[in-house]
Protein backbone atom coordinates (compact mmCIF):
# COMPACT_ATOMS: atom_id res chain seq x y z
CA MET A 1 -55.72 42.12 23.66
CA ARG A 2 -52.08 41.56 24.38
CA ALA A 3 -49.93 39.22 22.25
CA PRO A 4 -48.55 36.28 23.93
CA GLN A 5 -44.97 36.21 25.21
CA SER A 6 -42.47 34.61 23.23
CA ASN A 7 -38.83 33.71 23.72
CA TYR A 8 -38.24 33.70 20.20
CA GLU A 9 -34.80 35.37 19.21
CA TYR A 10 -34.07 35.99 15.56
CA GLN A 11 -30.31 36.09 14.77
CA VAL A 12 -28.61 37.49 11.76
CA GLY A 13 -25.30 36.00 10.72
CA GLY A 14 -23.20 33.59 12.59
CA THR A 15 -23.72 30.09 13.84
CA LEU A 16 -27.11 29.54 15.52
CA PRO A 17 -26.79 28.16 19.08
CA VAL A 18 -27.47 24.37 19.46
CA ASN A 19 -31.02 24.95 20.87
CA ALA A 20 -32.27 27.77 18.48
CA SER A 21 -35.80 27.50 17.88
CA SER A 22 -35.26 29.23 14.29
CA TYR A 23 -33.03 26.34 12.98
CA VAL A 24 -34.86 24.89 10.21
CA ARG A 25 -33.88 21.35 9.17
CA ARG A 26 -33.11 20.62 5.59
CA GLN A 27 -32.17 17.65 3.33
CA ALA A 28 -28.62 18.42 4.10
CA ASP A 29 -29.08 17.63 7.84
CA SER A 30 -30.08 14.14 6.97
CA ASP A 31 -27.35 13.74 4.12
CA PHE A 32 -24.64 15.05 6.31
CA TYR A 33 -25.48 12.81 9.42
CA LYS A 34 -25.91 9.66 7.46
CA SER A 35 -22.52 10.30 5.62
CA LEU A 36 -20.67 10.84 8.87
CA LYS A 37 -22.36 8.14 10.62
CA ALA A 38 -21.43 5.73 7.75
CA GLY A 39 -17.79 6.83 8.40
CA HIS A 40 -17.47 8.87 5.13
CA PHE A 41 -15.36 11.82 4.75
CA SER A 42 -17.89 14.50 4.43
CA TYR A 43 -17.80 18.21 3.52
CA VAL A 44 -20.45 20.88 2.97
CA PHE A 45 -19.94 23.62 0.18
CA ASN A 46 -22.30 26.61 0.08
CA SER A 47 -22.14 30.42 -0.31
CA PRO A 48 -21.62 32.52 2.87
CA GLN A 49 -24.45 32.77 5.38
CA MET A 50 -26.22 29.84 4.22
CA GLY A 51 -26.19 27.70 7.50
CA LYS A 52 -23.01 25.57 7.17
CA SER A 53 -21.83 26.13 10.59
CA SER A 54 -25.26 25.79 12.00
CA LEU A 55 -25.54 22.41 10.16
CA ARG A 56 -22.41 21.27 11.77
CA VAL A 57 -23.42 22.17 15.27
CA GLN A 58 -26.80 20.31 14.88
CA THR A 59 -25.15 17.20 13.07
CA MET A 60 -22.61 17.08 16.06
CA LYS A 61 -25.43 17.30 18.60
CA ARG A 62 -27.14 14.36 17.01
CA LEU A 63 -24.01 12.17 16.78
CA GLN A 64 -22.89 13.20 20.16
CA ALA A 65 -26.44 12.28 21.52
CA GLU A 66 -25.71 8.53 20.33
CA GLY A 67 -22.22 8.44 22.08
CA ILE A 68 -20.11 9.10 18.96
CA LEU A 69 -17.17 11.20 19.61
CA CYS A 70 -16.82 14.17 17.17
CA CYS A 71 -14.20 16.76 16.73
CA PHE A 72 -14.36 20.09 14.80
CA GLU A 73 -11.20 21.38 13.05
CA ASP A 74 -11.18 25.03 11.82
CA TYR A 75 -8.14 25.72 10.15
CA LEU A 76 -9.26 28.90 8.40
CA ASN A 77 -8.96 30.74 11.76
CA ASP A 78 -5.36 29.94 12.15
CA THR A 79 -3.45 33.08 11.79
CA GLN A 80 -0.65 31.27 10.18
CA LEU A 81 -3.07 30.15 7.36
CA LEU A 82 -4.61 33.59 6.74
CA ALA A 83 -2.61 34.10 3.75
CA LEU A 84 -3.88 30.70 2.21
CA ARG A 85 -7.56 31.85 2.16
CA THR A 86 -8.42 30.86 -1.44
CA VAL A 87 -11.01 28.60 -2.99
CA GLU A 88 -8.96 25.63 -2.60
CA HIS A 89 -8.60 26.14 1.19
CA THR A 90 -12.45 26.70 1.95
CA CYS A 91 -12.57 22.83 2.56
CA LEU A 92 -10.55 23.13 5.68
CA GLN A 93 -13.30 23.41 8.03
CA VAL A 94 -14.19 19.69 8.68
CA VAL A 95 -16.11 17.48 11.22
CA THR A 96 -14.61 14.14 11.75
CA ILE A 97 -15.22 11.20 13.71
CA PRO A 98 -11.65 10.07 14.47
CA ARG A 99 -10.83 6.75 12.84
CA GLU A 100 -9.33 5.46 16.27
CA PHE A 101 -12.75 5.39 17.61
CA PRO A 102 -15.10 3.34 15.74
CA VAL A 103 -18.64 4.24 14.99
CA ARG A 104 -21.04 2.50 17.04
């Protein structure tokens, strides 16, 4: 007997693609989404390799599906800021809904 074919791909490290079947929704998905949709400045703190970037990708997908303009700013990859990589600067990766564009 043969096992059924599967397109499942397990990924170790890095941001999961927006359509990854291995992404597991958590309470953070709902909390982050609701906070951003309400127009609040929102951030996610967690240890490395815990799904922060994948959470961002999934949340942006949900907001954009509703016609909400999102932008992602990653200041930590700016070569001029590499010397500033400290705990105080870990919050420089943010997803924003620009204030010039009202939330619908």
